[in-house]
């Protein structure tokens, strides 16, 4: 982490430096896709049709398959795994 601070301080141009977390490589959904799922879950809740955790994980699996996203080892149970 120290090298990022040194690099940031040595660069006078703040826009030249950016920190990107490493977990982005493991993401299944894009930011827009996540927002769509969240909006769907909120709408279902407002209509008094809240989904359980298992139903939400199945929804995430179905959504990933429908969008053609690469999914890690979810094929066996046809449900999103919690990591």
PDB file of N, CA and C in Angstrom:
ATOM      1  N   UNK A   1       0.824  -1.186   0.000  1.00  0.00           N
ATOM      2  CA  UNK A   1       0.000   0.000   0.000  1.00  0.00           C
ATOM      3  C   UNK A   1       0.869   1.250   0.000  1.00  0.00           C
ATOM      4  N   UNK A   2       2.037   1.172   0.580  1.00  0.00           N
ATOM      5  CA  UNK A   2       2.918   2.316   0.641  1.00  0.00           C
ATOM      6  C   UNK A   2       3.383   2.797  -0.714  1.00  0.00           C
ATOM      7  N   UNK A   3       3.561   1.862  -1.644  1.00  0.00           N
ATOM      8  CA  UNK A   3       4.037   2.274  -2.967  1.00  0.00           C
ATOM      9  C   UNK A   3       2.986   3.102  -3.691  1.00  0.00           C
ATOM     10  N   UNK A   4       1.695   2.844  -3.414  1.00  0.00           N
ATOM     11  CA  UNK A   4       0.645   3.635  -4.031  1.00  0.00           C
ATOM     12  C   UNK A   4       0.664   5.060  -3.497  1.00  0.00           C
ATOM     13  N   UNK A   5       0.920   5.198  -2.217  1.00  0.00           N
ATOM     14  CA  UNK A   5       0.989   6.523  -1.610  1.00  0.00           C
ATOM     15  C   UNK A   5       2.172   7.286  -2.184  1.00  0.00           C
ATOM     16  N   UNK A   6       3.336   6.633  -2.284  1.00  0.00           N
ATOM     17  CA  UNK A   6       4.508   7.285  -2.858  1.00  0.00           C
ATOM     18  C   UNK A   6       4.260   7.693  -4.304  1.00  0.00           C
ATOM     19  N   UNK A   7       3.642   6.806  -5.067  1.00  0.00           N
ATOM     20  CA  UNK A   7       3.349   7.105  -6.460  1.00  0.00           C
ATOM     21  C   UNK A   7       2.386   8.279  -6.562  1.00  0.00           C
ATOM     22  N   UNK A   8       1.408   8.314  -5.679  1.00  0.00           N
ATOM     23  CA  UNK A   8       0.432   9.391  -5.692  1.00  0.00           C
ATOM     24  C   UNK A   8       1.087  10.723  -5.343  1.00  0.00           C
ATOM     25  N   UNK A   9       1.963  10.706  -4.366  1.00  0.00           N
ATOM     26  CA  UNK A   9       2.619  11.939  -3.944  1.00  0.00           C
ATOM     27  C   UNK A   9       3.618  12.419  -4.986  1.00  0.00           C
ATOM     28  N   UNK A  10       4.260  11.484  -5.692  1.00  0.00           N
ATOM     29  CA  UNK A  10       5.245  11.887  -6.686  1.00  0.00           C
ATOM     30  C   UNK A  10       4.580  12.453  -7.940  1.00  0.00           C
ATOM     31  N   UNK A  11       3.373  12.015  -8.223  1.00  0.00           N
ATOM     32  CA  UNK A  11       2.630  12.553  -9.367  1.00  0.00           C
ATOM     33  C   UNK A  11       1.858  13.789  -8.942  1.00  0.00           C
ATOM     34  N   UNK A  12       2.124  14.864  -9.581  1.00  0.00           N
ATOM     35  CA  UNK A  12       1.385  16.092  -9.266  1.00  0.00           C
ATOM     36  C   UNK A  12      -0.008  16.049  -9.896  1.00  0.00           C
ATOM     37  N   UNK A  13      -0.127  15.284 -10.964  1.00  0.00           N
ATOM     38  CA  UNK A  13      -1.417  15.157 -11.648  1.00  0.00           C
ATOM     39  C   UNK A  13      -2.219  14.062 -10.960  1.00  0.00           C
ATOM     40  N   UNK A  14      -3.242  14.431 -10.224  1.00  0.00           N
ATOM     41  CA  UNK A  14      -4.042  13.480  -9.460  1.00  0.00           C
ATOM     42  C   UNK A  14      -4.792  12.497 -10.360  1.00  0.00           C
ATOM     43  N   UNK A  15      -5.162  12.917 -11.572  1.00  0.00           N
ATOM     44  CA  UNK A  15      -5.926  12.041 -12.454  1.00  0.00           C
ATOM     45  C   UNK A  15      -5.064  10.918 -13.028  1.00  0.00           C
ATOM     46  N   UNK A  16      -3.748  11.048 -12.978  1.00  0.00           N
ATOM     47  CA  UNK A  16      -2.859  10.021 -13.522  1.00  0.00           C
ATOM     48  C   UNK A  16      -2.815   8.788 -12.627  1.00  0.00           C
ATOM     49  N   UNK A  17      -3.149   8.941 -11.375  1.00  0.00           N
ATOM     50  CA  UNK A  17      -3.089   7.833 -10.425  1.00  0.00           C
ATOM     51  C   UNK A  17      -4.480   7.316 -10.135  1.00  0.00           C
ATOM     52  N   UNK A  18      -4.614   6.014 -10.183  1.00  0.00           N
ATOM     53  CA  UNK A  18      -5.891   5.419  -9.797  1.00  0.00           C
ATOM     54  C   UNK A  18      -5.620   4.086  -9.118  1.00  0.00           C
ATOM     55  N   UNK A  19      -6.392   3.801  -8.125  1.00  0.00           N
ATOM     56  CA  UNK A  19      -6.275   2.550  -7.399  1.00  0.00           C
ATOM     57  C   UNK A  19      -7.451   1.679  -7.784  1.00  0.00           C
ATOM     58  N   UNK A  20      -7.182   0.462  -8.211  1.00  0.00           N
ATOM     59  CA  UNK A  20      -8.247  -0.460  -8.596  1.00  0.00           C
ATOM     60  C   UNK A  20      -8.141  -1.699  -7.717  1.00  0.00           C
ATOM     61  N   UNK A  21      -9.199  -2.045  -7.008  1.00  0.00           N
ATOM     62  CA  UNK A  21      -9.144  -3.221  -6.141  1.00  0.00           C
ATOM     63  C   UNK A  21      -8.999  -4.501  -6.962  1.00  0.00           C
ATOM     64  N   UNK A  22      -8.413  -5.504  -6.356  1.00  0.00           N
ATOM     65  CA  UNK A  22      -8.143  -6.760  -7.040  1.00  0.00           C
ATOM     66  C   UNK A  22      -9.384  -7.637  -7.188  1.00  0.00           C
ATOM     67  N   UNK A  23     -10.424  -7.381  -6.422  1.00  0.00           N
ATOM     68  CA  UNK A  23     -11.594  -8.249  -6.466  1.00  0.00           C
ATOM     69  C   UNK A  23     -12.410  -8.070  -7.741  1.00  0.00           C
ATOM     70  N   UNK A  24     -12.117  -7.065  -8.552  1.00  0.00           N
ATOM     71  CA  UNK A  24     -12.860  -6.863  -9.793  1.00  0.00           C
ATOM     72  C   UNK A  24     -12.711  -8.038 -10.751  1.00  0.00           C
ATOM     73  N   UNK A  25     -11.633  -8.763 -10.655  1.00  0.00           N
ATOM     74  CA  UNK A  25     -11.428  -9.903 -11.542  1.00  0.00           C
ATOM     75  C   UNK A  25     -12.370 -11.053 -11.264  1.00  0.00           C
ATOM     76  N   UNK A  26     -12.960 -11.100 -10.087  1.00  0.00           N
ATOM     77  CA  UNK A  26     -13.849 -12.195  -9.695  1.00  0.00           C
ATOM     78  C   UNK A  26     -15.326 -11.830  -9.799  1.00  0.00           C
ATOM     79  N   UNK A  27     -15.620 -10.649 -10.289  1.00  0.00           N
ATOM     80  CA  UNK A  27     -17.002 -10.216 -10.363  1.00  0.00           C
ATOM     81  C   UNK A  27     -17.749 -10.995 -11.442  1.00  0.00           C
ATOM     82  N   UNK A  28     -18.960 -11.371 -11.152  1.00  0.00           N
ATOM     83  CA  UNK A  28     -19.812 -12.084 -12.098  1.00  0.00           C
ATOM     84  C   UNK A  28     -20.653 -11.080 -12.883  1.00  0.00           C
ATOM     85  N   UNK A  29     -21.166 -10.074 -12.196  1.00  0.00           N
ATOM     86  CA  UNK A  29     -22.051  -9.095 -12.806  1.00  0.00           C
ATOM     87  C   UNK A  29     -21.351  -7.751 -12.947  1.00  0.00           C
ATOM     88  N   UNK A  30     -21.710  -7.025 -13.996  1.00  0.00           N
ATOM     89  CA  UNK A  30     -21.221  -5.660 -14.140  1.00  0.00           C
ATOM     90  C   UNK A  30     -21.974  -4.774 -13.148  1.00  0.00           C
ATOM     91  N   UNK A  31     -21.544  -3.560 -13.023  1.00  0.00           N
ATOM     92  CA  UNK A  31     -22.195  -2.624 -12.116  1.00  0.00           C
ATOM     93  C   UNK A  31     -23.650  -2.394 -12.529  1.00  0.00           C
ATOM     94  N   UNK A  32     -23.887  -2.307 -13.833  1.00  0.00           N
ATOM     95  CA  UNK A  32     -25.245  -2.095 -14.328  1.00  0.00           C
ATOM     96  C   UNK A  32     -26.125  -3.306 -14.042  1.00  0.00           C
ATOM     97  N   UNK A  33     -25.588  -4.502 -14.220  1.00  0.00           N
ATOM     98  CA  UNK A  33     -26.354  -5.711 -13.945  1.00  0.00           C
ATOM     99  C   UNK A  33     -26.695  -5.827 -12.465  1.00  0.00           C
ATOM    100  N   UNK A  34     -25.734  -5.496 -11.614  1.00  0.00           N
ATOM    101  CA  UNK A  34     -26.003  -5.511 -10.174  1.00  0.00           C
ATOM    102  C   UNK A  34     -27.111  -4.524  -9.824  1.00  0.00           C
ATOM    103  N   UNK A  35     -27.079  -3.363 -10.442  1.00  0.00           N
ATOM    104  CA  UNK A  35     -28.111  -2.355 -10.172  1.00  0.00           C
ATOM    105  C   UNK A  35     -29.485  -2.863 -10.608  1.00  0.00           C
ATOM    106  N   UNK A  36     -29.547  -3.574 -11.734  1.00  0.00           N
ATOM    107  CA  UNK A  36     -30.821  -4.120 -12.194  1.00  0.00           C
ATOM    108  C   UNK A  36     -31.364  -5.160 -11.209  1.00  0.00           C
ATOM    109  N   UNK A  37     -30.493  -6.008 -10.687  1.00  0.00           N
ATOM    110  CA  UNK A  37     -30.926  -7.010  -9.708  1.00  0.00           C
ATOM    111  C   UNK A  37     -31.423  -6.326  -8.435  1.00  0.00           C
ATOM    112  N   UNK A  38     -30.676  -5.339  -7.976  1.00  0.00           N
ATOM    113  CA  UNK A  38     -31.067  -4.608  -6.766  1.00  0.00           C
ATOM    114  C   UNK A  38     -32.420  -3.935  -6.962  1.00  0.00           C
ATOM    115  N   UNK A  39     -32.604  -3.291  -8.117  1.00  0.00           N
ATOM    116  CA  UNK A  39     -33.886  -2.629  -8.379  1.00  0.00           C
ATOM    117  C   UNK A  39     -35.028  -3.645  -8.429  1.00  0.00           C
ATOM    118  N   UNK A  40     -34.778  -4.803  -9.013  1.00  0.00           N
ATOM    119  CA  UNK A  40     -35.803  -5.839  -9.065  1.00  0.00           C
ATOM    120  C   UNK A  40     -36.168  -6.311  -7.658  1.00  0.00           C
ATOM    121  N   UNK A  41     -35.165  -6.537  -6.817  1.00  0.00           N
ATOM    122  CA  UNK A  41     -35.420  -6.996  -5.454  1.00  0.00           C
ATOM    123  C   UNK A  41     -36.161  -5.940  -4.635  1.00  0.00           C
ATOM    124  N   UNK A  42     -35.790  -4.678  -4.834  1.00  0.00           N
ATOM    125  CA  UNK A  42     -36.481  -3.599  -4.115  1.00  0.00           C
ATOM    126  C   UNK A  42     -37.935  -3.493  -4.567  1.00  0.00           C
ATOM    127  N   UNK A  43     -38.163  -3.608  -5.877  1.00  0.00           N
ATOM    128  CA  UNK A  43     -39.525  -3.536  -6.394  1.00  0.00           C
ATOM    129  C   UNK A  43     -40.357  -4.695  -5.862  1.00  0.00           C
ATOM    130  N   UNK A  44     -39.785  -5.896  -5.839  1.00  0.00           N
ATOM    131  CA  UNK A  44     -40.501  -7.054  -5.302  1.00  0.00           C
ATOM    132  C   UNK A  44     -40.846  -6.840  -3.833  1.00  0.00           C
ATOM    133  N   UNK A  45     -39.934  -6.254  -3.094  1.00  0.00           N
ATOM    134  CA  UNK A  45     -40.175  -5.989  -1.682  1.00  0.00           C
ATOM    135  C   UNK A  45     -41.290  -4.961  -1.497  1.00  0.00           C
ATOM    136  N   UNK A  46     -41.285  -3.919  -2.331  1.00  0.00           N
ATOM    137  CA  UNK A  46     -42.339  -2.898  -2.246  1.00  0.00           C
ATOM    138  C   UNK A  46     -43.720  -3.487  -2.542  1.00  0.00           C
ATOM    139  N   UNK A  47     -43.741  -4.529  -3.382  1.00  0.00           N
ATOM    140  CA  UNK A  47     -45.011  -5.179  -3.722  1.00  0.00           C
ATOM    141  C   UNK A  47     -45.354  -6.299  -2.744  1.00  0.00           C
ATOM    142  N   UNK A  48     -44.630  -6.327  -1.611  1.00  0.00           N
ATOM    143  CA  UNK A  48     -44.824  -7.336  -0.569  1.00  0.00           C
ATOM    144  C   UNK A  48     -44.588  -8.757  -1.097  1.00  0.00           C
ATOM    145  N   UNK A  49     -43.620  -8.867  -2.007  1.00  0.00           N
ATOM    146  CA  UNK A  49     -43.227 -10.163  -2.529  1.00  0.00           C
ATOM    147  C   UNK A  49     -41.720 -10.299  -2.367  1.00  0.00           C
ATOM    148  N   UNK A  50     -41.279 -10.122  -1.129  1.00  0.00           N
ATOM    149  CA  UNK A  50     -39.857 -10.224  -0.851  1.00  0.00           C
ATOM    150  C   UNK A  50     -39.354 -11.636  -1.100  1.00  0.00           C
ATOM    151  N   UNK A  51     -38.152 -11.742  -1.598  1.00  0.00           N
ATOM    152  CA  UNK A  51     -37.566 -13.039  -1.903  1.00  0.00           C
ATOM    153  C   UNK A  51     -36.690 -13.506  -0.745  1.00  0.00           C
ATOM    154  N   UNK A  52     -36.675 -14.801  -0.517  1.00  0.00           N
ATOM    155  CA  UNK A  52     -35.789 -15.365   0.496  1.00  0.00           C
ATOM    156  C   UNK A  52     -34.364 -15.357  -0.043  1.00  0.00           C
ATOM    157  N   UNK A  53     -33.421 -15.697   0.808  1.00  0.00           N
ATOM    158  CA  UNK A  53     -32.020 -15.738   0.380  1.00  0.00           C
ATOM    159  C   UNK A  53     -31.816 -16.787  -0.714  1.00  0.00           C
ATOM    160  N   UNK A  54     -32.443 -17.941  -0.570  1.00  0.00           N
ATOM    161  CA  UNK A  54     -32.315 -19.003  -1.582  1.00  0.00           C
ATOM    162  C   UNK A  54     -32.932 -18.549  -2.900  1.00  0.00           C
ATOM    163  N   UNK A  55     -34.099 -17.922  -2.849  1.00  0.00           N
ATOM    164  CA  UNK A  55     -34.743 -17.435  -4.071  1.00  0.00           C
ATOM    165  C   UNK A  55     -33.898 -16.361  -4.750  1.00  0.00           C
ATOM    166  N   UNK A  56     -33.261 -15.519  -3.959  1.00  0.00           N
ATOM    167  CA  UNK A  56     -32.401 -14.481  -4.507  1.00  0.00           C
ATOM    168  C   UNK A  56     -31.187 -15.090  -5.188  1.00  0.00           C
ATOM    169  N   UNK A  57     -30.611 -16.118  -4.592  1.00  0.00           N
ATOM    170  CA  UNK A  57     -29.455 -16.781  -5.189  1.00  0.00           C
ATOM    171  C   UNK A  57     -29.838 -17.497  -6.479  1.00  0.00           C
ATOM    172  N   UNK A  58     -31.038 -18.077  -6.522  1.00  0.00           N
ATOM    173  CA  UNK A  58     -31.518 -18.712  -7.756  1.00  0.00           C
ATOM    174  C   UNK A  58     -31.751 -17.656  -8.830  1.00  0.00           C
ATOM    175  N   UNK A  59     -32.302 -16.516  -8.435  1.00  0.00           N
ATOM    176  CA  UNK A  59     -32.502 -15.416  -9.363  1.00  0.00           C
ATOM    177  C   UNK A  59     -31.164 -14.956  -9.947  1.00  0.00           C
ATOM    178  N   UNK A  60     -30.152 -14.830  -9.108  1.00  0.00           N
ATOM    179  CA  UNK A  60     -28.832 -14.408  -9.571  1.00  0.00           C
ATOM    180  C   UNK A  60     -28.259 -15.421 -10.559  1.00  0.00           C
ATOM    181  N   UNK A  61     -28.430 -16.708 -10.282  1.00  0.00           N
ATOM    182  CA  UNK A  61     -27.957 -17.749 -11.203  1.00  0.00           C
ATOM    183  C   UNK A  61     -28.674 -17.639 -12.540  1.00  0.00           C
ATOM    184  N   UNK A  62     -29.999 -17.564 -12.514  1.00  0.00           N
ATOM    185  CA  UNK A  62     -30.778 -17.476 -13.747  1.00  0.00           C
ATOM    186  C   UNK A  62     -30.413 -16.224 -14.549  1.00  0.00           C
ATOM    187  N   UNK A  63     -30.202 -15.127 -13.856  1.00  0.00           N
ATOM    188  CA  UNK A  63     -29.843 -13.869 -14.522  1.00  0.00           C
ATOM    189  C   UNK A  63     -28.462 -13.972 -15.171  1.00  0.00           C
ATOM    190  N   UNK A  64     -27.522 -14.603 -14.477  1.00  0.00           N
ATOM    191  CA  UNK A  64     -26.176 -14.775 -15.037  1.00  0.00           C
ATOM    192  C   UNK A  64     -26.216 -15.664 -16.274  1.00  0.00           C
ATOM    193  N   UNK A  65     -26.981 -16.737 -16.230  1.00  0.00           N
ATOM    194  CA  UNK A  65     -27.098 -17.643 -17.381  1.00  0.00           C
ATOM    195  C   UNK A  65     -27.776 -16.923 -18.547  1.00  0.00           C
ATOM    196  N   UNK A  66     -28.833 -16.172 -18.271  1.00  0.00           N
ATOM    197  CA  UNK A  66     -29.558 -15.464 -19.323  1.00  0.00           C
ATOM    198  C   UNK A  66     -28.681 -14.423 -20.017  1.00  0.00           C
ATOM    199  N   UNK A  67     -27.772 -13.797 -19.262  1.00  0.00           N
ATOM    200  CA  UNK A  67     -26.883 -12.784 -19.832  1.00  0.00           C
ATOM    201  C   UNK A  67     -25.611 -13.384 -20.423  1.00  0.00           C
ATOM    202  N   UNK A  68     -25.417 -14.672 -20.260  1.00  0.00           N
ATOM    203  CA  UNK A  68     -24.226 -15.311 -20.800  1.00  0.00           C
ATOM    204  C   UNK A  68     -22.964 -15.000 -20.019  1.00  0.00           C
ATOM    205  N   UNK A  69     -23.105 -14.667 -18.753  1.00  0.00           N
ATOM    206  CA  UNK A  69     -21.940 -14.379 -17.909  1.00  0.00           C
ATOM    207  C   UNK A  69     -21.210 -15.671 -17.567  1.00  0.00           C
ATOM    208  N   UNK A  70     -19.929 -15.557 -17.346  1.00  0.00           N
ATOM    209  CA  UNK A  70     -19.130 -16.708 -16.929  1.00  0.00           C
ATOM    210  C   UNK A  70     -19.379 -16.926 -15.446  1.00  0.00           C
ATOM    211  N   UNK A  71     -19.853 -18.117 -15.103  1.00  0.00           N
ATOM    212  CA  UNK A  71     -20.191 -18.405 -13.713  1.00  0.00           C
ATOM    213  C   UNK A  71     -19.329 -19.552 -13.191  1.00  0.00           C
ATOM    214  N   UNK A  72     -18.764 -19.387 -12.014  1.00  0.00           N
ATOM    215  CA  UNK A  72     -17.854 -20.398 -11.465  1.00  0.00           C
ATOM    216  C   UNK A  72     -18.590 -21.471 -10.664  1.00  0.00           C
ATOM    217  N   UNK A  73     -18.587 -22.680 -11.125  1.00  0.00           N
ATOM    218  CA  UNK A  73     -19.102 -23.834 -10.377  1.00  0.00           C
ATOM    219  C   UNK A  73     -20.518 -23.643  -9.834  1.00  0.00           C
ATOM    220  N   UNK A  74     -21.345 -22.901 -10.522  1.00  0.00           N
ATOM    221  CA  UNK A  74     -22.725 -22.754 -10.091  1.00  0.00           C
ATOM    222  C   UNK A  74     -23.608 -23.771 -10.790  1.00  0.00           C
ATOM    223  N   UNK A  75     -23.055 -24.480 -11.765  1.00  0.00           N
ATOM    224  CA  UNK A  75     -23.844 -25.395 -12.588  1.00  0.00           C
ATOM    225  C   UNK A  75     -24.408 -26.564 -11.784  1.00  0.00           C
ATOM    226  N   UNK A  76     -23.659 -27.015 -10.799  1.00  0.00           N
ATOM    227  CA  UNK A  76     -24.049 -28.211 -10.049  1.00  0.00           C
ATOM    228  C   UNK A  76     -25.404 -28.049  -9.351  1.00  0.00           C
ATOM    229  N   UNK A  77     -25.560 -26.972  -8.606  1.00  0.00           N
ATOM    230  CA  UNK A  77     -26.793 -26.767  -7.840  1.00  0.00           C
ATOM    231  C   UNK A  77     -27.762 -25.803  -8.501  1.00  0.00           C
ATOM    232  N   UNK A  78     -27.329 -25.180  -9.588  1.00  0.00           N
ATOM    233  CA  UNK A  78     -28.118 -24.154 -10.279  1.00  0.00           C
ATOM    234  C   UNK A  78     -28.541 -23.044  -9.323  1.00  0.00           C
ATOM    235  N   UNK A  79     -27.574 -22.605  -8.530  1.00  0.00           N
ATOM    236  CA  UNK A  79     -27.806 -21.548  -7.549  1.00  0.00           C
ATOM    237  C   UNK A  79     -26.496 -20.798  -7.362  1.00  0.00           C
ATOM    238  N   UNK A  80     -26.593 -19.502  -7.125  1.00  0.00           N
ATOM    239  CA  UNK A  80     -25.394 -18.682  -6.901  1.00  0.00           C
ATOM    240  C   UNK A  80     -24.760 -19.081  -5.574  1.00  0.00           C
ATOM    241  N   UNK A  81     -23.464 -19.246  -5.594  1.00  0.00           N
ATOM    242  CA  UNK A  81     -22.734 -19.597  -4.378  1.00  0.00           C
ATOM    243  C   UNK A  81     -22.311 -18.327  -3.653  1.00  0.00           C
ATOM    244  N   UNK A  82     -22.269 -18.388  -2.367  1.00  0.00           N
ATOM    245  CA  UNK A  82     -21.802 -17.287  -1.543  1.00  0.00           C
ATOM    246  C   UNK A  82     -20.309 -17.466  -1.339  1.00  0.00           C
ATOM    247  N   UNK A  83     -19.562 -16.401  -1.683  1.00  0.00           N
ATOM    248  CA  UNK A  83     -18.104 -16.520  -1.511  1.00  0.00           C
ATOM    249  C   UNK A  83     -17.599 -15.655  -0.401  1.00  0.00           C
TER     250      UNK A  83
END
